[in-house]
N, C-alpha and C. Protein backbone atom coordinates (compact mmCIF):
# COMPACT_ATOMS: atom_id res chain seq x y z
N UNK A 1 241.40 -57.32 119.21
CA UNK A 1 241.34 -58.30 118.17
C UNK A 1 241.53 -57.64 116.81
N UNK A 2 240.96 -56.47 116.60
CA UNK A 2 241.11 -55.79 115.31
C UNK A 2 242.56 -55.40 115.09
N UNK A 3 243.27 -55.02 116.15
CA UNK A 3 244.70 -54.70 116.02
C UNK A 3 245.48 -55.93 115.55
N UNK A 4 245.17 -57.09 116.10
CA UNK A 4 245.84 -58.32 115.68
C UNK A 4 245.50 -58.64 114.23
N UNK A 5 244.26 -58.40 113.82
CA UNK A 5 243.86 -58.65 112.44
C UNK A 5 244.61 -57.75 111.46
N UNK A 6 245.03 -56.58 111.91
CA UNK A 6 245.75 -55.67 111.02
C UNK A 6 247.20 -56.08 110.83
N UNK A 7 247.71 -56.95 111.67
CA UNK A 7 249.10 -57.41 111.57
C UNK A 7 249.18 -58.81 111.00
N UNK A 8 248.28 -59.68 111.41
CA UNK A 8 248.30 -61.08 111.00
C UNK A 8 247.00 -61.41 110.29
N UNK A 9 247.08 -62.13 109.18
CA UNK A 9 245.90 -62.52 108.42
C UNK A 9 245.20 -63.70 109.10
N UNK A 10 244.18 -63.41 109.87
CA UNK A 10 243.36 -64.46 110.47
C UNK A 10 242.08 -64.58 109.66
N UNK A 11 241.68 -65.79 109.33
CA UNK A 11 240.38 -65.99 108.69
C UNK A 11 239.32 -66.26 109.74
N UNK A 12 239.77 -66.72 110.90
CA UNK A 12 238.84 -67.02 111.97
C UNK A 12 239.50 -66.77 113.32
N UNK A 13 238.73 -66.29 114.26
CA UNK A 13 239.17 -66.11 115.63
C UNK A 13 238.39 -67.13 116.45
N UNK A 14 239.11 -68.00 117.15
CA UNK A 14 238.48 -69.06 117.93
C UNK A 14 238.63 -68.74 119.41
N UNK A 15 237.51 -68.65 120.11
CA UNK A 15 237.51 -68.41 121.55
C UNK A 15 237.39 -69.77 122.23
N UNK A 16 238.42 -70.16 122.95
CA UNK A 16 238.45 -71.47 123.59
C UNK A 16 239.32 -71.38 124.82
N UNK A 17 239.46 -72.44 125.54
CA UNK A 17 240.35 -72.47 126.69
C UNK A 17 239.67 -72.96 127.94
N UNK A 18 240.15 -72.47 129.07
CA UNK A 18 239.72 -72.95 130.38
C UNK A 18 238.33 -72.44 130.79
N UNK A 19 237.83 -71.42 130.11
CA UNK A 19 236.53 -70.86 130.47
C UNK A 19 235.41 -71.89 130.32
N UNK A 20 234.39 -71.81 131.16
CA UNK A 20 233.23 -72.68 130.99
C UNK A 20 232.58 -72.44 129.62
N UNK A 21 231.98 -73.47 129.02
CA UNK A 21 231.38 -73.32 127.69
C UNK A 21 230.39 -72.16 127.57
N UNK A 22 229.59 -71.90 128.59
CA UNK A 22 228.63 -70.79 128.52
C UNK A 22 229.34 -69.45 128.41
N UNK A 23 230.44 -69.29 129.12
CA UNK A 23 231.22 -68.05 129.04
C UNK A 23 231.86 -67.90 127.68
N UNK A 24 232.42 -68.99 127.15
CA UNK A 24 233.04 -68.94 125.82
C UNK A 24 232.01 -68.50 124.79
N UNK A 25 230.81 -69.05 124.87
CA UNK A 25 229.75 -68.70 123.91
C UNK A 25 229.36 -67.23 124.06
N UNK A 26 229.28 -66.75 125.29
CA UNK A 26 228.91 -65.35 125.53
C UNK A 26 229.98 -64.40 124.98
N UNK A 27 231.25 -64.71 125.22
CA UNK A 27 232.34 -63.88 124.69
C UNK A 27 232.33 -63.91 123.17
N UNK A 28 232.14 -65.08 122.59
CA UNK A 28 232.10 -65.22 121.13
C UNK A 28 230.98 -64.37 120.54
N UNK A 29 229.81 -64.42 121.15
CA UNK A 29 228.67 -63.63 120.65
C UNK A 29 228.95 -62.14 120.72
N UNK A 30 229.52 -61.69 121.83
CA UNK A 30 229.80 -60.26 121.98
C UNK A 30 230.89 -59.79 121.02
N UNK A 31 231.91 -60.61 120.81
CA UNK A 31 232.95 -60.25 119.84
C UNK A 31 232.37 -60.16 118.43
N UNK A 32 231.54 -61.14 118.07
CA UNK A 32 230.93 -61.14 116.74
C UNK A 32 230.04 -59.92 116.54
N UNK A 33 229.36 -59.48 117.58
CA UNK A 33 228.52 -58.28 117.49
C UNK A 33 229.35 -57.01 117.39
N UNK A 34 230.48 -56.96 118.09
CA UNK A 34 231.32 -55.75 118.14
C UNK A 34 232.19 -55.59 116.90
N UNK A 35 232.61 -56.67 116.29
CA UNK A 35 233.56 -56.62 115.18
C UNK A 35 233.12 -55.73 114.02
N UNK A 36 231.87 -55.77 113.58
CA UNK A 36 231.46 -54.91 112.46
C UNK A 36 231.50 -53.41 112.76
N UNK A 37 231.56 -53.03 114.02
CA UNK A 37 231.59 -51.61 114.37
C UNK A 37 232.96 -50.97 114.16
N UNK A 38 233.98 -51.77 113.91
CA UNK A 38 235.33 -51.26 113.69
C UNK A 38 235.61 -51.09 112.21
N UNK A 39 236.45 -50.11 111.88
CA UNK A 39 236.88 -49.91 110.50
C UNK A 39 237.91 -50.98 110.16
N UNK A 40 237.51 -51.93 109.35
CA UNK A 40 238.41 -53.02 108.97
C UNK A 40 238.72 -52.99 107.48
N UNK A 41 238.66 -51.81 106.88
CA UNK A 41 238.93 -51.70 105.45
C UNK A 41 240.37 -52.15 105.17
N UNK A 42 240.53 -52.97 104.16
CA UNK A 42 241.83 -53.49 103.79
C UNK A 42 242.25 -54.73 104.56
N UNK A 43 241.44 -55.16 105.51
CA UNK A 43 241.78 -56.33 106.31
C UNK A 43 241.03 -57.56 105.80
N UNK A 44 241.61 -58.71 106.01
CA UNK A 44 240.96 -59.96 105.65
C UNK A 44 239.73 -60.14 106.54
N UNK A 45 238.56 -60.43 105.96
CA UNK A 45 237.38 -60.66 106.80
C UNK A 45 237.61 -61.87 107.71
N UNK A 46 237.24 -61.73 108.97
CA UNK A 46 237.42 -62.81 109.93
C UNK A 46 236.09 -63.12 110.61
N UNK A 47 235.89 -64.39 110.90
CA UNK A 47 234.71 -64.81 111.64
C UNK A 47 235.14 -65.13 113.07
N UNK A 48 234.20 -65.07 113.99
CA UNK A 48 234.46 -65.41 115.39
C UNK A 48 233.68 -66.67 115.71
N UNK A 49 234.36 -67.70 116.20
CA UNK A 49 233.71 -68.97 116.51
C UNK A 49 234.12 -69.44 117.90
N UNK A 50 233.30 -70.32 118.46
CA UNK A 50 233.60 -70.91 119.76
C UNK A 50 234.32 -72.22 119.55
N UNK A 51 235.42 -72.42 120.26
CA UNK A 51 236.18 -73.66 120.15
C UNK A 51 235.55 -74.78 120.95
N UNK A 52 236.05 -75.98 120.73
CA UNK A 52 235.49 -77.14 121.42
C UNK A 52 236.55 -77.98 122.13
N UNK A 53 237.80 -77.53 122.13
CA UNK A 53 238.87 -78.32 122.74
C UNK A 53 238.89 -78.13 124.25
N UNK A 54 238.61 -76.93 124.73
CA UNK A 54 238.57 -76.68 126.16
C UNK A 54 239.93 -76.35 126.74
N UNK A 55 240.23 -76.82 127.94
CA UNK A 55 241.46 -76.44 128.64
C UNK A 55 242.76 -76.75 127.90
N UNK A 56 242.76 -77.71 127.01
CA UNK A 56 243.98 -78.07 126.28
C UNK A 56 244.23 -77.20 125.06
N UNK A 57 243.33 -76.27 124.75
CA UNK A 57 243.47 -75.44 123.54
C UNK A 57 244.76 -74.65 123.54
N UNK A 58 245.11 -74.03 124.64
CA UNK A 58 246.32 -73.21 124.71
C UNK A 58 247.57 -74.07 124.51
N UNK A 59 247.59 -75.23 125.12
CA UNK A 59 248.74 -76.13 125.01
C UNK A 59 248.91 -76.62 123.57
N UNK A 60 247.82 -77.04 122.95
CA UNK A 60 247.89 -77.54 121.57
C UNK A 60 248.27 -76.44 120.60
N UNK A 61 247.75 -75.23 120.80
CA UNK A 61 248.10 -74.10 119.94
C UNK A 61 249.57 -73.75 120.05
N UNK A 62 250.09 -73.72 121.27
CA UNK A 62 251.51 -73.40 121.48
C UNK A 62 252.40 -74.49 120.89
N UNK A 63 251.99 -75.74 120.98
CA UNK A 63 252.78 -76.84 120.43
C UNK A 63 252.84 -76.78 118.91
N UNK A 64 251.82 -76.21 118.28
CA UNK A 64 251.78 -76.14 116.82
C UNK A 64 252.76 -75.12 116.26
N UNK A 65 253.04 -74.04 116.99
CA UNK A 65 253.86 -72.95 116.46
C UNK A 65 255.26 -73.36 116.03
N UNK A 66 256.05 -74.08 116.84
CA UNK A 66 257.38 -74.47 116.36
C UNK A 66 257.32 -75.43 115.17
N UNK A 67 256.31 -76.28 115.14
CA UNK A 67 256.17 -77.20 114.00
C UNK A 67 255.87 -76.43 112.72
N UNK A 68 254.97 -75.45 112.81
CA UNK A 68 254.63 -74.64 111.64
C UNK A 68 255.85 -73.84 111.18
N UNK A 69 256.58 -73.27 112.11
CA UNK A 69 257.75 -72.45 111.75
C UNK A 69 258.83 -73.28 111.08
N UNK A 70 258.99 -74.50 111.50
CA UNK A 70 260.07 -75.34 110.97
C UNK A 70 259.68 -76.07 109.68
N UNK A 71 258.46 -76.53 109.58
CA UNK A 71 258.10 -77.43 108.48
C UNK A 71 257.10 -76.88 107.47
N UNK A 72 256.50 -75.73 107.70
CA UNK A 72 255.53 -75.20 106.76
C UNK A 72 256.21 -74.72 105.49
N UNK A 73 255.71 -75.11 104.32
CA UNK A 73 256.30 -74.62 103.07
C UNK A 73 256.01 -73.14 102.83
N UNK A 74 255.01 -72.60 103.52
CA UNK A 74 254.64 -71.19 103.36
C UNK A 74 255.05 -70.44 104.62
N UNK A 75 256.22 -69.79 104.60
CA UNK A 75 256.72 -69.10 105.79
C UNK A 75 255.91 -67.86 106.11
N UNK A 76 255.11 -67.36 105.18
CA UNK A 76 254.27 -66.19 105.43
C UNK A 76 252.85 -66.59 105.82
N UNK A 77 252.66 -67.83 106.22
CA UNK A 77 251.33 -68.33 106.53
C UNK A 77 250.66 -67.54 107.66
N UNK A 78 251.41 -67.22 108.71
CA UNK A 78 250.83 -66.53 109.86
C UNK A 78 251.08 -65.03 109.86
N UNK A 79 251.99 -64.53 109.05
CA UNK A 79 252.32 -63.10 109.04
C UNK A 79 252.18 -62.58 107.63
N UNK A 80 251.62 -61.40 107.49
CA UNK A 80 251.44 -60.79 106.17
C UNK A 80 252.77 -60.65 105.45
N UNK A 81 252.76 -60.79 104.14
CA UNK A 81 253.98 -60.70 103.34
C UNK A 81 254.36 -59.26 103.05
N UNK A 82 253.45 -58.31 103.18
CA UNK A 82 253.75 -56.91 102.87
C UNK A 82 253.57 -56.06 104.11
N UNK A 83 254.33 -54.96 104.16
CA UNK A 83 254.20 -54.00 105.25
C UNK A 83 253.97 -52.63 104.67
N UNK A 84 253.68 -51.67 105.52
CA UNK A 84 253.47 -50.30 105.06
C UNK A 84 254.77 -49.71 104.52
N UNK A 85 255.89 -50.10 105.11
CA UNK A 85 257.19 -49.62 104.65
C UNK A 85 257.92 -50.79 103.98
N UNK A 86 258.23 -50.64 102.72
CA UNK A 86 258.80 -51.75 101.97
C UNK A 86 260.23 -52.08 102.36
N UNK A 87 260.91 -51.22 103.11
CA UNK A 87 262.30 -51.51 103.46
C UNK A 87 262.43 -52.32 104.75
N UNK A 88 261.32 -52.71 105.38
CA UNK A 88 261.37 -53.51 106.59
C UNK A 88 260.98 -54.94 106.27
N UNK A 89 261.67 -55.93 106.87
CA UNK A 89 261.27 -57.32 106.65
C UNK A 89 259.89 -57.56 107.25
N UNK A 90 259.03 -58.21 106.51
CA UNK A 90 257.64 -58.38 106.94
C UNK A 90 257.44 -59.59 107.83
N UNK A 91 258.19 -60.63 107.64
CA UNK A 91 257.88 -61.88 108.33
C UNK A 91 259.04 -62.39 109.17
N UNK A 92 259.71 -61.52 109.88
CA UNK A 92 260.83 -61.96 110.70
C UNK A 92 260.41 -63.03 111.70
N UNK A 93 259.28 -62.81 112.35
CA UNK A 93 258.83 -63.75 113.38
C UNK A 93 258.45 -65.10 112.81
N UNK A 94 258.04 -65.14 111.56
CA UNK A 94 257.58 -66.39 110.97
C UNK A 94 258.68 -67.11 110.21
N UNK A 95 259.87 -66.56 110.15
CA UNK A 95 260.95 -67.20 109.41
C UNK A 95 261.40 -68.46 110.12
N UNK A 96 261.62 -69.54 109.37
CA UNK A 96 262.07 -70.78 110.00
C UNK A 96 263.49 -70.63 110.54
N UNK A 97 263.78 -71.40 111.55
CA UNK A 97 265.12 -71.38 112.14
C UNK A 97 266.13 -71.93 111.15
N UNK A 98 267.37 -71.40 111.13
CA UNK A 98 268.38 -71.90 110.17
C UNK A 98 268.80 -73.31 110.47
């Protein structure tokens, strides 16, 4: 999760999906406890929360991606605008289709 936070600006990590609610809560608690032990200097602070959608979470999240890529006024919404090397494009994956 920390590796993903270093590439994409997440304000919140939501644990949801097909898992039973008790398991989701347990995973959420353990992630929240483990997160402060990592060096996250320079990263956007993120919280860990338990989702409430359940089995449809993956489907709804996947359905949102093409809509965001095509219609979002902020193409850097999901990907950081800057990289360590300034000569590389930062948001290729988030660029809307032509």
